Amino acid sequence: MKTKDTRLYDLAYLIRMRRIELGYSSAEKFSNEKGINRSVYQRWESGEDLNLTSFLKLCDMHHISASALLLKWEQTNRLMPKDGQIN
């Protein structure tokens, strides 16, 4: 069984918090208004792996640039490798 990278949970948390910042308490209402399948969106908020196209769509839906979201992710994730630590 493949283990999930725990950093995905941190990204999922940031996605969920951004949705709430935008005034949506419900993931279902948010996904419906944005025209994305509810179960797909809920998987993203649960820390499921997502591809780059989905990541960019997610950024657009949340009105945040990919670089801003990645920077927040790096700042909140103590396990994220820093520059020079990646082999």
PDB file of N, CA and C in Angstrom:
ATOM      1  N   MET A   1       0.827  -1.179   0.000  1.00  0.00           N
ATOM      2  CA  MET A   1       0.000   0.000   0.000  1.00  0.00           C
ATOM      3  C   MET A   1       0.877   1.251   0.000  1.00  0.00           C
ATOM      4  N   LYS A   2       0.562   2.165  -0.882  1.00  0.00           N
ATOM      5  CA  LYS A   2       1.324   3.393  -1.007  1.00  0.00           C
ATOM      6  C   LYS A   2       0.921   4.370   0.092  1.00  0.00           C
ATOM      7  N   THR A   3       1.912   4.941   0.781  1.00  0.00           N
ATOM      8  CA  THR A   3       1.601   5.913   1.820  1.00  0.00           C
ATOM      9  C   THR A   3       1.505   7.302   1.212  1.00  0.00           C
ATOM     10  N   LYS A   4       0.597   8.091   1.746  1.00  0.00           N
ATOM     11  CA  LYS A   4       0.365   9.436   1.239  1.00  0.00           C
ATOM     12  C   LYS A   4       1.397  10.397   1.818  1.00  0.00           C
ATOM     13  N   ASP A   5       1.897  11.281   0.990  1.00  0.00           N
ATOM     14  CA  ASP A   5       2.818  12.318   1.420  1.00  0.00           C
ATOM     15  C   ASP A   5       2.046  13.262   2.342  1.00  0.00           C
ATOM     16  N   THR A   6       2.482  13.395   3.572  1.00  0.00           N
ATOM     17  CA  THR A   6       1.756  14.198   4.553  1.00  0.00           C
ATOM     18  C   THR A   6       1.700  15.678   4.183  1.00  0.00           C
ATOM     19  N   ARG A   7       2.570  16.118   3.309  1.00  0.00           N
ATOM     20  CA  ARG A   7       2.522  17.521   2.873  1.00  0.00           C
ATOM     21  C   ARG A   7       1.227  17.817   2.133  1.00  0.00           C
ATOM     22  N   LEU A   8       0.601  16.792   1.550  1.00  0.00           N
ATOM     23  CA  LEU A   8      -0.670  17.000   0.859  1.00  0.00           C
ATOM     24  C   LEU A   8      -1.766  17.420   1.832  1.00  0.00           C
ATOM     25  N   TYR A   9      -1.697  16.939   3.062  1.00  0.00           N
ATOM     26  CA  TYR A   9      -2.680  17.351   4.065  1.00  0.00           C
ATOM     27  C   TYR A   9      -2.548  18.841   4.381  1.00  0.00           C
ATOM     28  N   ASP A  10      -1.317  19.335   4.388  1.00  0.00           N
ATOM     29  CA  ASP A  10      -1.102  20.760   4.631  1.00  0.00           C
ATOM     30  C   ASP A  10      -1.659  21.597   3.488  1.00  0.00           C
ATOM     31  N   LEU A  11      -1.488  21.131   2.264  1.00  0.00           N
ATOM     32  CA  LEU A  11      -2.052  21.828   1.116  1.00  0.00           C
ATOM     33  C   LEU A  11      -3.582  21.802   1.192  1.00  0.00           C
ATOM     34  N   ALA A  12      -4.130  20.668   1.554  1.00  0.00           N
ATOM     35  CA  ALA A  12      -5.584  20.540   1.680  1.00  0.00           C
ATOM     36  C   ALA A  12      -6.119  21.522   2.727  1.00  0.00           C
ATOM     37  N   TYR A  13      -5.408  21.661   3.823  1.00  0.00           N
ATOM     38  CA  TYR A  13      -5.809  22.602   4.865  1.00  0.00           C
ATOM     39  C   TYR A  13      -5.829  24.032   4.320  1.00  0.00           C
ATOM     40  N   LEU A  14      -4.787  24.409   3.581  1.00  0.00           N
ATOM     41  CA  LEU A  14      -4.737  25.753   3.008  1.00  0.00           C
ATOM     42  C   LEU A  14      -5.878  25.980   2.013  1.00  0.00           C
ATOM     43  N   ILE A  15      -6.191  24.972   1.236  1.00  0.00           N
ATOM     44  CA  ILE A  15      -7.302  25.072   0.284  1.00  0.00           C
ATOM     45  C   ILE A  15      -8.612  25.297   1.033  1.00  0.00           C
ATOM     46  N   ARG A  16      -8.828  24.531   2.067  1.00  0.00           N
ATOM     47  CA  ARG A  16     -10.046  24.649   2.867  1.00  0.00           C
ATOM     48  C   ARG A  16     -10.131  26.032   3.531  1.00  0.00           C
ATOM     49  N   MET A  17      -9.011  26.510   4.103  1.00  0.00           N
ATOM     50  CA  MET A  17      -9.002  27.810   4.756  1.00  0.00           C
ATOM     51  C   MET A  17      -9.248  28.942   3.748  1.00  0.00           C
ATOM     52  N   ARG A  18      -8.715  28.795   2.536  1.00  0.00           N
ATOM     53  CA  ARG A  18      -8.934  29.820   1.514  1.00  0.00           C
ATOM     54  C   ARG A  18     -10.415  29.869   1.120  1.00  0.00           C
ATOM     55  N   ARG A  19     -11.045  28.713   0.992  1.00  0.00           N
ATOM     56  CA  ARG A  19     -12.478  28.675   0.683  1.00  0.00           C
ATOM     57  C   ARG A  19     -13.269  29.405   1.758  1.00  0.00           C
ATOM     58  N   ILE A  20     -12.914  29.161   2.996  1.00  0.00           N
ATOM     59  CA  ILE A  20     -13.612  29.799   4.114  1.00  0.00           C
ATOM     60  C   ILE A  20     -13.356  31.313   4.106  1.00  0.00           C
ATOM     61  N   GLU A  21     -12.113  31.726   3.792  1.00  0.00           N
ATOM     62  CA  GLU A  21     -11.806  33.150   3.668  1.00  0.00           C
ATOM     63  C   GLU A  21     -12.679  33.820   2.606  1.00  0.00           C
ATOM     64  N   LEU A  22     -13.012  33.073   1.574  1.00  0.00           N
ATOM     65  CA  LEU A  22     -13.847  33.609   0.501  1.00  0.00           C
ATOM     66  C   LEU A  22     -15.327  33.633   0.869  1.00  0.00           C
ATOM     67  N   GLY A  23     -15.649  33.180   2.072  1.00  0.00           N
ATOM     68  CA  GLY A  23     -17.013  33.266   2.568  1.00  0.00           C
ATOM     69  C   GLY A  23     -17.869  32.041   2.345  1.00  0.00           C
ATOM     70  N   TYR A  24     -17.244  30.919   2.023  1.00  0.00           N
ATOM     71  CA  TYR A  24     -17.982  29.676   1.783  1.00  0.00           C
ATOM     72  C   TYR A  24     -17.734  28.713   2.940  1.00  0.00           C
ATOM     73  N   SER A  25     -18.752  28.499   3.756  1.00  0.00           N
ATOM     74  CA  SER A  25     -18.600  27.550   4.854  1.00  0.00           C
ATOM     75  C   SER A  25     -18.769  26.111   4.374  1.00  0.00           C
ATOM     76  N   SER A  26     -19.398  25.941   3.227  1.00  0.00           N
ATOM     77  CA  SER A  26     -19.686  24.611   2.697  1.00  0.00           C
ATOM     78  C   SER A  26     -18.868  24.335   1.433  1.00  0.00           C
ATOM     79  N   ALA A  27     -18.129  23.231   1.445  1.00  0.00           N
ATOM     80  CA  ALA A  27     -17.387  22.815   0.255  1.00  0.00           C
ATOM     81  C   ALA A  27     -18.347  22.470  -0.875  1.00  0.00           C
ATOM     82  N   GLU A  28     -19.491  21.924  -0.512  1.00  0.00           N
ATOM     83  CA  GLU A  28     -20.475  21.543  -1.522  1.00  0.00           C
ATOM     84  C   GLU A  28     -21.023  22.779  -2.245  1.00  0.00           C
ATOM     85  N   LYS A  29     -21.374  23.805  -1.488  1.00  0.00           N
ATOM     86  CA  LYS A  29     -21.883  25.034  -2.107  1.00  0.00           C
ATOM     87  C   LYS A  29     -20.808  25.684  -2.973  1.00  0.00           C
ATOM     88  N   PHE A  30     -19.577  25.711  -2.474  1.00  0.00           N
ATOM     89  CA  PHE A  30     -18.472  26.298  -3.225  1.00  0.00           C
ATOM     90  C   PHE A  30     -18.278  25.572  -4.551  1.00  0.00           C
ATOM     91  N   SER A  31     -18.195  24.258  -4.494  1.00  0.00           N
ATOM     92  CA  SER A  31     -17.953  23.480  -5.716  1.00  0.00           C
ATOM     93  C   SER A  31     -19.101  23.641  -6.705  1.00  0.00           C
ATOM     94  N   ASN A  32     -20.328  23.675  -6.211  1.00  0.00           N
ATOM     95  CA  ASN A  32     -21.479  23.878  -7.091  1.00  0.00           C
ATOM     96  C   ASN A  32     -21.415  25.228  -7.789  1.00  0.00           C
ATOM     97  N   GLU A  33     -21.120  26.284  -7.030  1.00  0.00           N
ATOM     98  CA  GLU A  33     -21.052  27.622  -7.612  1.00  0.00           C
ATOM     99  C   GLU A  33     -19.894  27.772  -8.588  1.00  0.00           C
ATOM    100  N   LYS A  34     -18.821  27.022  -8.372  1.00  0.00           N
ATOM    101  CA  LYS A  34     -17.658  27.107  -9.247  1.00  0.00           C
ATOM    102  C   LYS A  34     -17.727  26.120 -10.410  1.00  0.00           C
ATOM    103  N   GLY A  35     -18.758  25.277 -10.418  1.00  0.00           N
ATOM    104  CA  GLY A  35     -18.947  24.347 -11.528  1.00  0.00           C
ATOM    105  C   GLY A  35     -17.999  23.158 -11.535  1.00  0.00           C
ATOM    106  N   ILE A  36     -17.600  22.723 -10.347  1.00  0.00           N
ATOM    107  CA  ILE A  36     -16.709  21.558 -10.236  1.00  0.00           C
ATOM    108  C   ILE A  36     -17.465  20.459  -9.495  1.00  0.00           C
ATOM    109  N   ASN A  37     -17.219  19.242  -9.890  1.00  0.00           N
ATOM    110  CA  ASN A  37     -17.859  18.100  -9.251  1.00  0.00           C
ATOM    111  C   ASN A  37     -17.568  18.117  -7.755  1.00  0.00           C
ATOM    112  N   ARG A  38     -18.602  17.983  -6.939  1.00  0.00           N
ATOM    113  CA  ARG A  38     -18.487  18.040  -5.485  1.00  0.00           C
ATOM    114  C   ARG A  38     -17.487  17.023  -4.944  1.00  0.00           C
ATOM    115  N   SER A  39     -17.560  15.804  -5.439  1.00  0.00           N
ATOM    116  CA  SER A  39     -16.672  14.765  -4.904  1.00  0.00           C
ATOM    117  C   SER A  39     -15.214  15.021  -5.282  1.00  0.00           C
ATOM    118  N   VAL A  40     -14.991  15.581  -6.453  1.00  0.00           N
ATOM    119  CA  VAL A  40     -13.620  15.928  -6.870  1.00  0.00           C
ATOM    120  C   VAL A  40     -13.070  16.998  -5.934  1.00  0.00           C
ATOM    121  N   TYR A  41     -13.864  18.041  -5.730  1.00  0.00           N
ATOM    122  CA  TYR A  41     -13.405  19.128  -4.866  1.00  0.00           C
ATOM    123  C   TYR A  41     -13.155  18.638  -3.438  1.00  0.00           C
ATOM    124  N   GLN A  42     -14.032  17.821  -2.934  1.00  0.00           N
ATOM    125  CA  GLN A  42     -13.863  17.318  -1.573  1.00  0.00           C
ATOM    126  C   GLN A  42     -12.617  16.435  -1.450  1.00  0.00           C
ATOM    127  N   ARG A  43     -12.266  15.735  -2.521  1.00  0.00           N
ATOM    128  CA  ARG A  43     -11.009  14.959  -2.500  1.00  0.00           C
ATOM    129  C   ARG A  43      -9.818  15.897  -2.371  1.00  0.00           C
ATOM    130  N   TRP A  44      -9.864  17.038  -3.071  1.00  0.00           N
ATOM    131  CA  TRP A  44      -8.771  18.009  -2.968  1.00  0.00           C
ATOM    132  C   TRP A  44      -8.652  18.534  -1.546  1.00  0.00           C
ATOM    133  N   GLU A  45      -9.791  18.793  -0.914  1.00  0.00           N
ATOM    134  CA  GLU A  45      -9.771  19.289   0.457  1.00  0.00           C
ATOM    135  C   GLU A  45      -9.429  18.186   1.463  1.00  0.00           C
ATOM    136  N   SER A  46      -9.391  16.971   1.026  1.00  0.00           N
ATOM    137  CA  SER A  46      -9.042  15.847   1.900  1.00  0.00           C
ATOM    138  C   SER A  46      -7.589  15.428   1.743  1.00  0.00           C
ATOM    139  N   GLY A  47      -6.858  16.111   0.878  1.00  0.00           N
ATOM    140  CA  GLY A  47      -5.440  15.810   0.715  1.00  0.00           C
ATOM    141  C   GLY A  47      -5.132  14.783  -0.353  1.00  0.00           C
ATOM    142  N   GLU A  48      -6.081  14.561  -1.274  1.00  0.00           N
ATOM    143  CA  GLU A  48      -5.801  13.638  -2.375  1.00  0.00           C
ATOM    144  C   GLU A  48      -4.804  14.284  -3.338  1.00  0.00           C
ATOM    145  N   ASP A  49      -4.037  13.455  -3.958  1.00  0.00           N
ATOM    146  CA  ASP A  49      -3.071  13.932  -4.940  1.00  0.00           C
ATOM    147  C   ASP A  49      -3.817  14.589  -6.095  1.00  0.00           C
ATOM    148  N   LEU A  50      -3.272  15.673  -6.631  1.00  0.00           N
ATOM    149  CA  LEU A  50      -3.905  16.301  -7.776  1.00  0.00           C
ATOM    150  C   LEU A  50      -2.847  16.642  -8.811  1.00  0.00           C
ATOM    151  N   ASN A  51      -3.260  16.652 -10.076  1.00  0.00           N
ATOM    152  CA  ASN A  51      -2.315  16.949 -11.143  1.00  0.00           C
ATOM    153  C   ASN A  51      -2.173  18.459 -11.306  1.00  0.00           C
ATOM    154  N   LEU A  52      -1.246  18.874 -12.136  1.00  0.00           N
ATOM    155  CA  LEU A  52      -0.951  20.293 -12.301  1.00  0.00           C
ATOM    156  C   LEU A  52      -2.135  21.058 -12.877  1.00  0.00           C
ATOM    157  N   THR A  53      -2.838  20.474 -13.826  1.00  0.00           N
ATOM    158  CA  THR A  53      -4.011  21.130 -14.407  1.00  0.00           C
ATOM    159  C   THR A  53      -5.062  21.377 -13.326  1.00  0.00           C
ATOM    160  N   SER A  54      -5.288  20.392 -12.481  1.00  0.00           N
ATOM    161  CA  SER A  54      -6.246  20.542 -11.385  1.00  0.00           C
ATOM    162  C   SER A  54      -5.765  21.589 -10.390  1.00  0.00           C
ATOM    163  N   PHE A  55      -4.477  21.615 -10.124  1.00  0.00           N
ATOM    164  CA  PHE A  55      -3.919  22.601  -9.199  1.00  0.00           C
ATOM    165  C   PHE A  55      -4.157  24.020  -9.713  1.00  0.00           C
ATOM    166  N   LEU A  56      -3.930  24.236 -11.007  1.00  0.00           N
ATOM    167  CA  LEU A  56      -4.145  25.561 -11.586  1.00  0.00           C
ATOM    168  C   LEU A  56      -5.621  25.945 -11.557  1.00  0.00           C
ATOM    169  N   LYS A  57      -6.494  24.988 -11.823  1.00  0.00           N
ATOM    170  CA  LYS A  57      -7.941  25.237 -11.754  1.00  0.00           C
ATOM    171  C   LYS A  57      -8.333  25.606 -10.327  1.00  0.00           C
ATOM    172  N   LEU A  58      -7.767  24.896  -9.376  1.00  0.00           N
ATOM    173  CA  LEU A  58      -8.023  25.163  -7.971  1.00  0.00           C
ATOM    174  C   LEU A  58      -7.591  26.585  -7.605  1.00  0.00           C
ATOM    175  N   CYS A  59      -6.439  27.013  -8.072  1.00  0.00           N
ATOM    176  CA  CYS A  59      -5.962  28.373  -7.809  1.00  0.00           C
ATOM    177  C   CYS A  59      -6.918  29.400  -8.407  1.00  0.00           C
ATOM    178  N   ASP A  60      -7.350  29.173  -9.625  1.00  0.00           N
ATOM    179  CA  ASP A  60      -8.295  30.094 -10.270  1.00  0.00           C
ATOM    180  C   ASP A  60      -9.592  30.185  -9.478  1.00  0.00           C
ATOM    181  N   MET A  61     -10.115  29.052  -9.050  1.00  0.00           N
ATOM    182  CA  MET A  61     -11.365  29.024  -8.292  1.00  0.00           C
ATOM    183  C   MET A  61     -11.254  29.789  -6.981  1.00  0.00           C
ATOM    184  N   HIS A  62     -10.060  29.789  -6.400  1.00  0.00           N
ATOM    185  CA  HIS A  62      -9.841  30.427  -5.110  1.00  0.00           C
ATOM    186  C   HIS A  62      -9.256  31.839  -5.241  1.00  0.00           C
ATOM    187  N   HIS A  63      -9.126  32.310  -6.468  1.00  0.00           N
ATOM    188  CA  HIS A  63      -8.604  33.659  -6.715  1.00  0.00           C
ATOM    189  C   HIS A  63      -7.254  33.880  -6.026  1.00  0.00           C
ATOM    190  N   ILE A  64      -6.353  32.918  -6.241  1.00  0.00           N
ATOM    191  CA  ILE A  64      -5.017  33.009  -5.672  1.00  0.00           C
ATOM    192  C   ILE A  64      -4.036  32.491  -6.724  1.00  0.00           C
ATOM    193  N   SER A  65      -2.895  33.131  -6.832  1.00  0.00           N
ATOM    194  CA  SER A  65      -1.908  32.667  -7.809  1.00  0.00           C
ATOM    195  C   SER A  65      -1.267  31.377  -7.321  1.00  0.00           C
ATOM    196  N   ALA A  66      -0.790  30.610  -8.256  1.00  0.00           N
ATOM    197  CA  ALA A  66      -0.108  29.359  -7.903  1.00  0.00           C
ATOM    198  C   ALA A  66       1.101  29.654  -7.028  1.00  0.00           C
ATOM    199  N   SER A  67       1.837  30.709  -7.359  1.00  0.00           N
ATOM    200  CA  SER A  67       3.035  31.035  -6.571  1.00  0.00           C
ATOM    201  C   SER A  67       2.666  31.440  -5.144  1.00  0.00           C
ATOM    202  N   ALA A  68       1.576  32.191  -4.974  1.00  0.00           N
ATOM    203  CA  ALA A  68       1.158  32.591  -3.624  1.00  0.00           C
ATOM    204  C   ALA A  68       0.732  31.381  -2.797  1.00  0.00           C
ATOM    205  N   LEU A  69      -0.002  30.464  -3.413  1.00  0.00           N
ATOM    206  CA  LEU A  69      -0.434  29.266  -2.686  1.00  0.00           C
ATOM    207  C   LEU A  69       0.759  28.376  -2.337  1.00  0.00           C
ATOM    208  N   LEU A  70       1.678  28.234  -3.279  1.00  0.00           N
ATOM    209  CA  LEU A  70       2.867  27.422  -2.999  1.00  0.00           C
ATOM    210  C   LEU A  70       3.730  28.052  -1.912  1.00  0.00           C
ATOM    211  N   LEU A  71       3.832  29.373  -1.919  1.00  0.00           N
ATOM    212  CA  LEU A  71       4.598  30.048  -0.868  1.00  0.00           C
ATOM    213  C   LEU A  71       3.949  29.836   0.496  1.00  0.00           C
ATOM    214  N   LYS A  72       2.624  29.979   0.574  1.00  0.00           N
ATOM    215  CA  LYS A  72       1.919  29.710   1.833  1.00  0.00           C
ATOM    216  C   LYS A  72       2.140  28.269   2.277  1.00  0.00           C
ATOM    217  N   TRP A  73       2.090  27.365   1.312  1.00  0.00           N
ATOM    218  CA  TRP A  73       2.281  25.945   1.607  1.00  0.00           C
ATOM    219  C   TRP A  73       3.665  25.709   2.190  1.00  0.00           C
ATOM    220  N   GLU A  74       4.671  26.312   1.569  1.00  0.00           N
ATOM    221  CA  GLU A  74       6.036  26.142   2.041  1.00  0.00           C
ATOM    222  C   GLU A  74       6.213  26.751   3.437  1.00  0.00           C
ATOM    223  N   GLN A  75       5.619  27.896   3.668  1.00  0.00           N
ATOM    224  CA  GLN A  75       5.764  28.571   4.960  1.00  0.00           C
ATOM    225  C   GLN A  75       5.093  27.803   6.089  1.00  0.00           C
ATOM    226  N   THR A  76       4.003  27.114   5.803  1.00  0.00           N
ATOM    227  CA  THR A  76       3.274  26.416   6.859  1.00  0.00           C
ATOM    228  C   THR A  76       3.733  24.979   7.052  1.00  0.00           C
ATOM    229  N   ASN A  77       4.578  24.489   6.163  1.00  0.00           N
ATOM    230  CA  ASN A  77       4.940  23.080   6.210  1.00  0.00           C
ATOM    231  C   ASN A  77       6.391  22.923   6.650  1.00  0.00           C
ATOM    232  N   ARG A  78       6.579  22.531   7.876  1.00  0.00           N
ATOM    233  CA  ARG A  78       7.943  22.368   8.387  1.00  0.00           C
ATOM    234  C   ARG A  78       8.671  21.204   7.734  1.00  0.00           C
ATOM    235  N   LEU A  79       7.948  20.275   7.102  1.00  0.00           N
ATOM    236  CA  LEU A  79       8.583  19.134   6.452  1.00  0.00           C
ATOM    237  C   LEU A  79       8.980  19.415   4.999  1.00  0.00           C
ATOM    238  N   MET A  80       8.578  20.591   4.485  1.00  0.00           N
ATOM    239  CA  MET A  80       8.882  20.935   3.103  1.00  0.00           C
ATOM    240  C   MET A  80      10.381  21.141   2.950  1.00  0.00           C
ATOM    241  N   PRO A  81      11.008  20.462   1.981  1.00  0.00           N
ATOM    242  CA  PRO A  81      12.444  20.677   1.781  1.00  0.00           C
ATOM    243  C   PRO A  81      12.723  22.131   1.397  1.00  0.00           C
ATOM    244  N   LYS A  82      13.782  22.675   1.917  1.00  0.00           N
ATOM    245  CA  LYS A  82      14.203  24.035   1.589  1.00  0.00           C
ATOM    246  C   LYS A  82      15.197  23.981   0.440  1.00  0.00           C
ATOM    247  N   ASP A  83      15.468  25.135  -0.169  1.00  0.00           N
ATOM    248  CA  ASP A  83      16.432  25.181  -1.272  1.00  0.00           C
ATOM    249  C   ASP A  83      17.748  24.533  -0.860  1.00  0.00           C
ATOM    250  N   GLY A  84      18.282  23.733  -1.728  1.00  0.00           N
ATOM    251  CA  GLY A  84      19.545  23.040  -1.485  1.00  0.00           C
ATOM    252  C   GLY A  84      19.406  21.715  -0.766  1.00  0.00           C
ATOM    253  N   GLN A  85      18.195  21.380  -0.290  1.00  0.00           N
ATOM    254  CA  GLN A  85      17.998  20.129   0.424  1.00  0.00           C
ATOM    255  C   GLN A  85      17.463  19.016  -0.467  1.00  0.00           C
ATOM    256  N   ILE A  86      17.064  19.370  -1.675  1.00  0.00           N
ATOM    257  CA  ILE A  86      16.514  18.368  -2.585  1.00  0.00           C
ATOM    258  C   ILE A  86      17.642  17.766  -3.408  1.00  0.00           C
ATOM    259  N   ASN A  87      17.722  16.449  -3.413  1.00  0.00           N
ATOM    260  CA  ASN A  87      18.786  15.783  -4.165  1.00  0.00           C
ATOM    261  C   ASN A  87      18.414  15.652  -5.617  1.00  0.00           C
TER     262      ASN A  87
END
